Amino acid sequence: MDEIVLTVETGRSTGTRPSRRSRTAGKIPAVLYGLQQDPVTVSVDWPELRRAITTEAGLNAIIQLEVGGEKHMSIVKEIQRHPVRRDVLHVDFVRIDPDQDVTVDVSIVMVGEAKEVTDNDGMVDQNLFSLTINAAPDNIPTEIEVDISNLTIGDSVRVGDLVLPERVTTDVDPDEAVAVGMITRSTLEAMAAEEAAEAAALAAEFDVEPAEGADEGADEASDEDSGDTDSE
């Protein structure tokens, strides 16, 4: 894993206007904490940080923050954004120990084709898009693949089915569904309409009209019965 070094400035602007001016200049207020050390307020160059976290590792990139000539191994814990404009307002860095596992979220990516599902007009519904894992800083996977090739309608791939890299663990419930093979609503509606049409056709088939002349025969029989009664 390539080492990413960011040099940050200690201290930061306080108050709304100074903070806004700093962000306009590309400096984002941030804090570095963890490993039972005092937190340090800093400001980081946003273009540099953005380049660091848009690598293959994403937000799980290991960053060496250089503060006053001293390097601190860290990862981005949180990026706070404006709720409307989505501008970056603040960044939290957490110190990490290279000899201790860290807990991070890693993206789950589906691979393969669930042919039996698609051949039956179904779809694969992905329920879990990231997995919280525990791993050494130098062993954090960029993503976790889940093979859906053998998925069938009504079947699911669960957390316990995932193949994790060596020395990577998770505390997520192994029964939690990651992906499910299911029939789409449009397919269900089409099936229901087809069943209704078949039922209607079957009902019509057994709704037989009286044979021709049957009514006349019934009338004659009725007249004969009436005549017998009168003769008595």
C-alpha atoms as a PDB file:
ATOM      1  CA  MET A   1       0.000   0.000   0.000  1.00  0.00           C
ATOM      2  CA  ASP A   2       1.400   3.386  -1.013  1.00  0.00           C
ATOM      3  CA  GLU A   3       1.977   5.846   1.807  1.00  0.00           C
ATOM      4  CA  ILE A   4      -0.069   9.030   1.587  1.00  0.00           C
ATOM      5  CA  VAL A   5       1.400  11.986   3.432  1.00  0.00           C
ATOM      6  CA  LEU A   6      -0.581  15.149   4.141  1.00  0.00           C
ATOM      7  CA  THR A   7       0.977  18.129   5.830  1.00  0.00           C
ATOM      8  CA  VAL A   8      -1.577  19.979   7.941  1.00  0.00           C
ATOM      9  CA  GLU A   9      -1.466  23.245   9.819  1.00  0.00           C
ATOM     10  CA  THR A  10      -2.072  23.270  13.551  1.00  0.00           C
ATOM     11  CA  GLY A  11      -4.895  25.386  14.878  1.00  0.00           C
ATOM     12  CA  ARG A  12      -7.845  26.537  12.880  1.00  0.00           C
ATOM     13  CA  SER A  13     -10.055  29.545  12.372  1.00  0.00           C
ATOM     14  CA  THR A  14     -12.865  29.918  14.866  1.00  0.00           C
ATOM     15  CA  GLY A  15     -16.225  31.491  14.209  1.00  0.00           C
ATOM     16  CA  THR A  16     -18.475  31.307  11.193  1.00  0.00           C
ATOM     17  CA  ARG A  17     -16.882  33.965   8.980  1.00  0.00           C
ATOM     18  CA  PRO A  18     -13.214  32.977   9.479  1.00  0.00           C
ATOM     19  CA  SER A  19     -14.116  29.322   8.946  1.00  0.00           C
ATOM     20  CA  ARG A  20     -15.982  30.217   5.769  1.00  0.00           C
ATOM     21  CA  ARG A  21     -13.002  32.213   4.496  1.00  0.00           C
ATOM     22  CA  SER A  22     -10.694  29.279   5.225  1.00  0.00           C
ATOM     23  CA  ARG A  23     -12.944  26.883   3.314  1.00  0.00           C
ATOM     24  CA  THR A  24     -13.110  29.324   0.415  1.00  0.00           C
ATOM     25  CA  ALA A  25      -9.310  29.264   0.367  1.00  0.00           C
ATOM     26  CA  GLY A  26      -9.389  25.460   0.250  1.00  0.00           C
ATOM     27  CA  LYS A  27      -8.562  24.910   3.932  1.00  0.00           C
ATOM     28  CA  ILE A  28     -10.926  22.657   5.873  1.00  0.00           C
ATOM     29  CA  PRO A  29     -11.059  22.632   9.688  1.00  0.00           C
ATOM     30  CA  ALA A  30     -10.274  19.214  11.110  1.00  0.00           C
ATOM     31  CA  VAL A  31      -9.415  17.369  14.291  1.00  0.00           C
ATOM     32  CA  LEU A  32      -7.018  14.485  14.960  1.00  0.00           C
ATOM     33  CA  TYR A  33      -7.707  12.226  17.939  1.00  0.00           C
ATOM     34  CA  GLY A  34      -7.381   8.666  19.220  1.00  0.00           C
ATOM     35  CA  LEU A  35      -4.901   6.258  20.854  1.00  0.00           C
ATOM     36  CA  GLN A  36      -5.459   7.987  24.198  1.00  0.00           C
ATOM     37  CA  GLN A  37      -3.639  11.093  23.010  1.00  0.00           C
ATOM     38  CA  ASP A  38      -4.888  14.652  23.222  1.00  0.00           C
ATOM     39  CA  PRO A  39      -6.932  15.803  20.231  1.00  0.00           C
ATOM     40  CA  VAL A  40      -5.246  18.285  17.927  1.00  0.00           C
ATOM     41  CA  THR A  41      -7.139  20.887  15.922  1.00  0.00           C
ATOM     42  CA  VAL A  42      -5.745  21.377  12.441  1.00  0.00           C
ATOM     43  CA  SER A  43      -6.670  22.640   9.011  1.00  0.00           C
ATOM     44  CA  VAL A  44      -6.138  20.507   5.940  1.00  0.00           C
ATOM     45  CA  ASP A  45      -5.851  21.408   2.288  1.00  0.00           C
ATOM     46  CA  TRP A  46      -9.066  20.028   0.790  1.00  0.00           C
ATOM     47  CA  PRO A  47      -7.769  19.425  -2.760  1.00  0.00           C
ATOM     48  CA  GLU A  48      -4.909  17.347  -1.307  1.00  0.00           C
ATOM     49  CA  LEU A  49      -7.238  15.375   0.961  1.00  0.00           C
ATOM     50  CA  ARG A  50      -9.691  14.812  -1.866  1.00  0.00           C
ATOM     51  CA  ARG A  51      -6.924  13.299  -3.972  1.00  0.00           C
ATOM     52  CA  ALA A  52      -5.939  11.082  -1.041  1.00  0.00           C
ATOM     53  CA  ILE A  53      -9.427   9.651  -0.502  1.00  0.00           C
ATOM     54  CA  THR A  54     -10.291   9.165  -4.170  1.00  0.00           C
ATOM     55  CA  THR A  55      -7.736   6.412  -4.582  1.00  0.00           C
ATOM     56  CA  GLU A  56      -8.802   2.775  -4.786  1.00  0.00           C
ATOM     57  CA  ALA A  57      -8.845   2.611  -0.967  1.00  0.00           C
ATOM     58  CA  GLY A  58     -11.372   5.446  -0.739  1.00  0.00           C
ATOM     59  CA  LEU A  59     -12.130   6.667   2.779  1.00  0.00           C
ATOM     60  CA  ASN A  60     -10.145   3.727   4.158  1.00  0.00           C
ATOM     61  CA  ALA A  61      -6.881   5.118   2.793  1.00  0.00           C
ATOM     62  CA  ILE A  62      -4.096   5.151   5.367  1.00  0.00           C
ATOM     63  CA  ILE A  63      -2.927   8.747   5.691  1.00  0.00           C
ATOM     64  CA  GLN A  64       0.213   9.959   7.416  1.00  0.00           C
ATOM     65  CA  LEU A  65      -0.754  13.338   8.837  1.00  0.00           C
ATOM     66  CA  GLU A  66       2.315  15.475   9.348  1.00  0.00           C
ATOM     67  CA  VAL A  67       1.662  17.818  12.253  1.00  0.00           C
ATOM     68  CA  GLY A  68       4.518  20.073  13.288  1.00  0.00           C
ATOM     69  CA  GLY A  69       7.075  17.760  11.716  1.00  0.00           C
ATOM     70  CA  GLU A  70       5.645  14.659  13.418  1.00  0.00           C
ATOM     71  CA  LYS A  71       3.759  11.993  11.466  1.00  0.00           C
ATOM     72  CA  HIS A  72       0.559  10.384  12.736  1.00  0.00           C
ATOM     73  CA  MET A  73      -0.851   7.309  11.006  1.00  0.00           C
ATOM     74  CA  SER A  74      -4.572   7.924  10.601  1.00  0.00           C
ATOM     75  CA  ILE A  75      -7.714   7.332   8.596  1.00  0.00           C
ATOM     76  CA  VAL A  76     -10.666   9.593   7.902  1.00  0.00           C
ATOM     77  CA  LYS A  77     -13.357   8.860  10.468  1.00  0.00           C
ATOM     78  CA  GLU A  78     -15.997  11.307   9.306  1.00  0.00           C
ATOM     79  CA  ILE A  79     -16.533  14.057   6.761  1.00  0.00           C
ATOM     80  CA  GLN A  80     -19.224  16.561   7.686  1.00  0.00           C
ATOM     81  CA  ARG A  81     -20.980  18.281   4.796  1.00  0.00           C
ATOM     82  CA  HIS A  82     -23.462  21.102   4.423  1.00  0.00           C
ATOM     83  CA  PRO A  83     -26.954  19.526   4.288  1.00  0.00           C
ATOM     84  CA  VAL A  84     -27.939  21.424   1.126  1.00  0.00           C
ATOM     85  CA  ARG A  85     -24.805  22.526  -0.734  1.00  0.00           C
ATOM     86  CA  ARG A  86     -22.848  19.406   0.296  1.00  0.00           C
ATOM     87  CA  ASP A  87     -19.734  21.515   0.861  1.00  0.00           C
ATOM     88  CA  VAL A  88     -17.207  19.925   3.229  1.00  0.00           C
ATOM     89  CA  LEU A  89     -17.456  21.639   6.624  1.00  0.00           C
ATOM     90  CA  HIS A  90     -15.225  19.540   8.871  1.00  0.00           C
ATOM     91  CA  VAL A  91     -13.098  16.389   8.848  1.00  0.00           C
ATOM     92  CA  ASP A  92     -12.375  13.965  11.684  1.00  0.00           C
ATOM     93  CA  PHE A  93      -9.133  11.973  11.572  1.00  0.00           C
ATOM     94  CA  VAL A  94      -8.506   9.123  13.991  1.00  0.00           C
ATOM     95  CA  ARG A  95      -5.031   7.875  14.893  1.00  0.00           C
ATOM     96  CA  ILE A  96      -4.409   4.184  14.300  1.00  0.00           C
ATOM     97  CA  ASP A  97      -1.830   1.706  15.529  1.00  0.00           C
ATOM     98  CA  PRO A  98      -0.210  -0.320  12.727  1.00  0.00           C
ATOM     99  CA  ASP A  99      -0.174  -3.354  15.028  1.00  0.00           C
ATOM    100  CA  GLN A 100      -3.865  -3.184  15.978  1.00  0.00           C
ATOM    101  CA  ASP A 101      -6.961  -3.976  13.944  1.00  0.00           C
ATOM    102  CA  VAL A 102      -9.169  -1.099  12.892  1.00  0.00           C
ATOM    103  CA  THR A 103     -12.909  -1.221  12.282  1.00  0.00           C
ATOM    104  CA  VAL A 104     -14.000   0.199   8.931  1.00  0.00           C
ATOM    105  CA  ASP A 105     -16.799  -0.142   6.380  1.00  0.00           C
ATOM    106  CA  VAL A 106     -15.959  -1.787   3.056  1.00  0.00           C
ATOM    107  CA  SER A 107     -18.151  -1.796  -0.056  1.00  0.00           C
ATOM    108  CA  ILE A 108     -19.844  -5.027  -1.144  1.00  0.00           C
ATOM    109  CA  VAL A 109     -19.795  -5.654  -4.901  1.00  0.00           C
ATOM    110  CA  MET A 110     -21.908  -8.311  -6.634  1.00  0.00           C
ATOM    111  CA  VAL A 111     -20.142 -10.340  -9.331  1.00  0.00           C
ATOM    112  CA  GLY A 112     -21.409 -12.978 -11.726  1.00  0.00           C
ATOM    113  CA  GLU A 113     -24.833 -13.384 -13.304  1.00  0.00           C
ATOM    114  CA  ALA A 114     -27.798 -14.974 -11.537  1.00  0.00           C
ATOM    115  CA  LYS A 115     -28.965 -16.623 -14.763  1.00  0.00           C
ATOM    116  CA  GLU A 116     -31.666 -18.742 -13.143  1.00  0.00           C
ATOM    117  CA  VAL A 117     -33.161 -15.605 -11.613  1.00  0.00           C
ATOM    118  CA  THR A 118     -33.113 -13.548 -14.807  1.00  0.00           C
ATOM    119  CA  ASP A 119     -34.381 -16.467 -16.923  1.00  0.00           C
ATOM    120  CA  ASN A 120     -37.477 -16.518 -14.699  1.00  0.00           C
ATOM    121  CA  ASP A 121     -38.075 -12.774 -15.117  1.00  0.00           C
ATOM    122  CA  GLY A 122     -36.706 -12.103 -11.646  1.00  0.00           C
ATOM    123  CA  MET A 123     -34.158  -9.694 -10.233  1.00  0.00           C
ATOM    124  CA  VAL A 124     -31.403  -9.688  -7.642  1.00  0.00           C
ATOM    125  CA  ASP A 125     -32.115  -7.268  -4.806  1.00  0.00           C
ATOM    126  CA  GLN A 126     -28.959  -6.167  -2.966  1.00  0.00           C
ATOM    127  CA  ASN A 127     -29.853  -5.459   0.662  1.00  0.00           C
ATOM    128  CA  LEU A 128     -26.396  -4.782   2.084  1.00  0.00           C
ATOM    129  CA  PHE A 129     -24.028  -2.429   0.284  1.00  0.00           C
ATOM    130  CA  SER A 130     -21.181  -2.267   2.805  1.00  0.00           C
ATOM    131  CA  LEU A 131     -19.808  -4.495   5.535  1.00  0.00           C
ATOM    132  CA  THR A 132     -18.223  -3.428   8.799  1.00  0.00           C
ATOM    133  CA  ILE A 133     -14.986  -5.367   9.155  1.00  0.00           C
ATOM    134  CA  ASN A 134     -11.991  -5.645  11.457  1.00  0.00           C
ATOM    135  CA  ALA A 135      -8.566  -5.728   9.834  1.00  0.00           C
ATOM    136  CA  ALA A 136      -4.985  -4.602  10.248  1.00  0.00           C
ATOM    137  CA  PRO A 137      -4.351  -1.182   8.681  1.00  0.00           C
ATOM    138  CA  ASP A 138      -2.184  -2.711   5.956  1.00  0.00           C
ATOM    139  CA  ASN A 139      -4.735  -5.449   5.227  1.00  0.00           C
ATOM    140  CA  ILE A 140      -7.930  -3.491   4.607  1.00  0.00           C
ATOM    141  CA  PRO A 141      -9.600  -4.769   1.413  1.00  0.00           C
ATOM    142  CA  THR A 142     -10.804  -2.183  -1.088  1.00  0.00           C
ATOM    143  CA  GLU A 143     -14.045  -4.128  -1.572  1.00  0.00           C
ATOM    144  CA  ILE A 144     -15.688  -7.465  -0.822  1.00  0.00           C
ATOM    145  CA  GLU A 145     -17.071  -9.475  -3.721  1.00  0.00           C
ATOM    146  CA  VAL A 146     -20.181 -11.641  -3.490  1.00  0.00           C
ATOM    147  CA  ASP A 147     -20.737 -14.200  -6.249  1.00  0.00           C
ATOM    148  CA  ILE A 148     -24.429 -14.404  -7.202  1.00  0.00           C
ATOM    149  CA  SER A 149     -24.015 -16.927 -10.040  1.00  0.00           C
ATOM    150  CA  ASN A 150     -25.813 -19.726  -8.169  1.00  0.00           C
ATOM    151  CA  LEU A 151     -28.587 -17.551  -6.752  1.00  0.00           C
ATOM    152  CA  THR A 152     -32.164 -18.733  -7.397  1.00  0.00           C
ATOM    153  CA  ILE A 153     -35.626 -17.240  -6.904  1.00  0.00           C
ATOM    154  CA  GLY A 154     -36.384 -17.111  -3.180  1.00  0.00           C
ATOM    155  CA  ASP A 155     -32.763 -17.826  -2.293  1.00  0.00           C
ATOM    156  CA  SER A 156     -30.340 -15.388  -0.655  1.00  0.00           C
ATOM    157  CA  VAL A 157     -26.668 -14.804   0.002  1.00  0.00           C
ATOM    158  CA  ARG A 158     -26.019 -13.995   3.646  1.00  0.00           C
ATOM    159  CA  VAL A 159     -23.127 -12.408   5.498  1.00  0.00           C
ATOM    160  CA  GLY A 160     -22.040 -15.851   6.649  1.00  0.00           C
ATOM    161  CA  ASP A 161     -21.652 -16.884   2.998  1.00  0.00           C
ATOM    162  CA  LEU A 162     -19.157 -14.119   2.206  1.00  0.00           C
ATOM    163  CA  VAL A 163     -15.558 -15.146   1.635  1.00  0.00           C
ATOM    164  CA  LEU A 164     -13.453 -12.653   3.588  1.00  0.00           C
ATOM    165  CA  PRO A 165      -9.737 -12.158   3.010  1.00  0.00           C
ATOM    166  CA  GLU A 166      -7.327 -13.768   5.427  1.00  0.00           C
ATOM    167  CA  ARG A 167      -7.111 -12.006   8.814  1.00  0.00           C
ATOM    168  CA  VAL A 168     -10.287 -10.032   8.094  1.00  0.00           C
ATOM    169  CA  THR A 169     -13.296 -10.580  10.355  1.00  0.00           C
ATOM    170  CA  THR A 170     -16.744  -9.109  10.863  1.00  0.00           C
ATOM    171  CA  ASP A 171     -19.126  -8.881  13.805  1.00  0.00           C
ATOM    172  CA  VAL A 172     -22.201  -8.472  11.593  1.00  0.00           C
ATOM    173  CA  ASP A 173     -24.968 -11.068  12.069  1.00  0.00           C
ATOM    174  CA  PRO A 174     -24.084 -13.981   9.741  1.00  0.00           C
ATOM    175  CA  ASP A 175     -27.784 -14.439   8.911  1.00  0.00           C
ATOM    176  CA  GLU A 176     -28.201 -10.905   7.574  1.00  0.00           C
ATOM    177  CA  ALA A 177     -29.132 -11.008   3.893  1.00  0.00           C
ATOM    178  CA  VAL A 178     -26.717  -9.463   1.420  1.00  0.00           C
ATOM    179  CA  ALA A 179     -28.584 -10.244  -1.819  1.00  0.00           C
ATOM    180  CA  VAL A 180     -31.915 -11.947  -2.558  1.00  0.00           C
ATOM    181  CA  GLY A 181     -33.267 -13.496  -5.755  1.00  0.00           C
ATOM    182  CA  MET A 182     -36.834 -12.316  -6.180  1.00  0.00           C
ATOM    183  CA  ILE A 183     -39.635 -11.989  -8.709  1.00  0.00           C
ATOM    184  CA  THR A 184     -40.309  -8.425  -9.802  1.00  0.00           C
ATOM    185  CA  ARG A 185     -43.636  -6.749  -9.125  1.00  0.00           C
ATOM    186  CA  SER A 186     -44.389  -6.473 -12.840  1.00  0.00           C
ATOM    187  CA  THR A 187     -43.798 -10.202 -13.237  1.00  0.00           C
ATOM    188  CA  LEU A 188     -46.084 -10.961 -10.290  1.00  0.00           C
ATOM    189  CA  GLU A 189     -48.785  -8.738 -11.786  1.00  0.00           C
ATOM    190  CA  ALA A 190     -48.412 -10.433 -15.170  1.00  0.00           C
ATOM    191  CA  MET A 191     -48.641 -13.862 -13.528  1.00  0.00           C
ATOM    192  CA  ALA A 192     -51.756 -12.806 -11.610  1.00  0.00           C
ATOM    193  CA  ALA A 193     -53.371 -11.480 -14.797  1.00  0.00           C
ATOM    194  CA  GLU A 194     -52.544 -14.707 -16.635  1.00  0.00           C
ATOM    195  CA  GLU A 195     -54.024 -16.829 -13.840  1.00  0.00           C
ATOM    196  CA  ALA A 196     -57.174 -14.684 -13.830  1.00  0.00           C
ATOM    197  CA  ALA A 197     -57.534 -15.092 -17.603  1.00  0.00           C
ATOM    198  CA  GLU A 198     -57.095 -18.867 -17.342  1.00  0.00           C
ATOM    199  CA  ALA A 199     -59.697 -19.046 -14.569  1.00  0.00           C
ATOM    200  CA  ALA A 200     -62.159 -17.015 -16.639  1.00  0.00           C
ATOM    201  CA  ALA A 201     -61.598 -19.231 -19.677  1.00  0.00           C
ATOM    202  CA  LEU A 202     -62.133 -22.368 -17.592  1.00  0.00           C
ATOM    203  CA  ALA A 203     -65.343 -20.985 -16.118  1.00  0.00           C
ATOM    204  CA  ALA A 204     -66.634 -20.094 -19.586  1.00  0.00           C
ATOM    205  CA  GLU A 205     -65.845 -23.592 -20.845  1.00  0.00           C
ATOM    206  CA  PHE A 206     -68.120 -25.204 -18.249  1.00  0.00           C
ATOM    207  CA  ASP A 207     -70.900 -22.633 -18.653  1.00  0.00           C
ATOM    208  CA  VAL A 208     -72.676 -24.750 -21.428  1.00  0.00           C
ATOM    209  CA  GLU A 209     -75.818 -23.449 -23.244  1.00  0.00           C
ATOM    210  CA  PRO A 210     -78.920 -25.822 -23.165  1.00  0.00           C
ATOM    211  CA  ALA A 211     -79.066 -28.147 -26.199  1.00  0.00           C
ATOM    212  CA  GLU A 212     -81.328 -27.036 -29.073  1.00  0.00           C
ATOM    213  CA  GLY A 213     -84.899 -28.412 -28.661  1.00  0.00           C
ATOM    214  CA  ALA A 214     -84.462 -29.146 -25.001  1.00  0.00           C
ATOM    215  CA  ASP A 215     -86.857 -26.366 -24.016  1.00  0.00           C
ATOM    216  CA  GLU A 216     -89.535 -27.659 -26.434  1.00  0.00           C
ATOM    217  CA  GLY A 217     -89.292 -31.166 -25.028  1.00  0.00           C
ATOM    218  CA  ALA A 218     -89.667 -29.836 -21.535  1.00  0.00           C
ATOM    219  CA  ASP A 219     -92.784 -27.882 -22.540  1.00  0.00           C
ATOM    220  CA  GLU A 220     -94.382 -30.971 -24.141  1.00  0.00           C
ATOM    221  CA  ALA A 221     -93.720 -33.056 -21.069  1.00  0.00           C
ATOM    222  CA  SER A 222     -95.319 -30.376 -18.951  1.00  0.00           C
ATOM    223  CA  ASP A 223     -98.427 -30.337 -21.166  1.00  0.00           C
ATOM    224  CA  GLU A 224     -98.816 -34.125 -20.945  1.00  0.00           C
ATOM    225  CA  ASP A 225     -98.616 -34.002 -17.183  1.00  0.00           C
ATOM    226  CA  SER A 226    -101.289 -31.323 -17.110  1.00  0.00           C
ATOM    227  CA  GLY A 227    -103.548 -33.382 -19.394  1.00  0.00           C
ATOM    228  CA  ASP A 228    -103.303 -36.450 -17.185  1.00  0.00           C
ATOM    229  CA  THR A 229    -104.339 -34.428 -14.204  1.00  0.00           C
ATOM    230  CA  ASP A 230    -107.447 -33.043 -15.942  1.00  0.00           C
ATOM    231  CA  SER A 231    -108.669 -36.505 -17.033  1.00  0.00           C
ATOM    232  CA  GLU A 232    -108.800 -37.714 -13.501  1.00  0.00           C
END
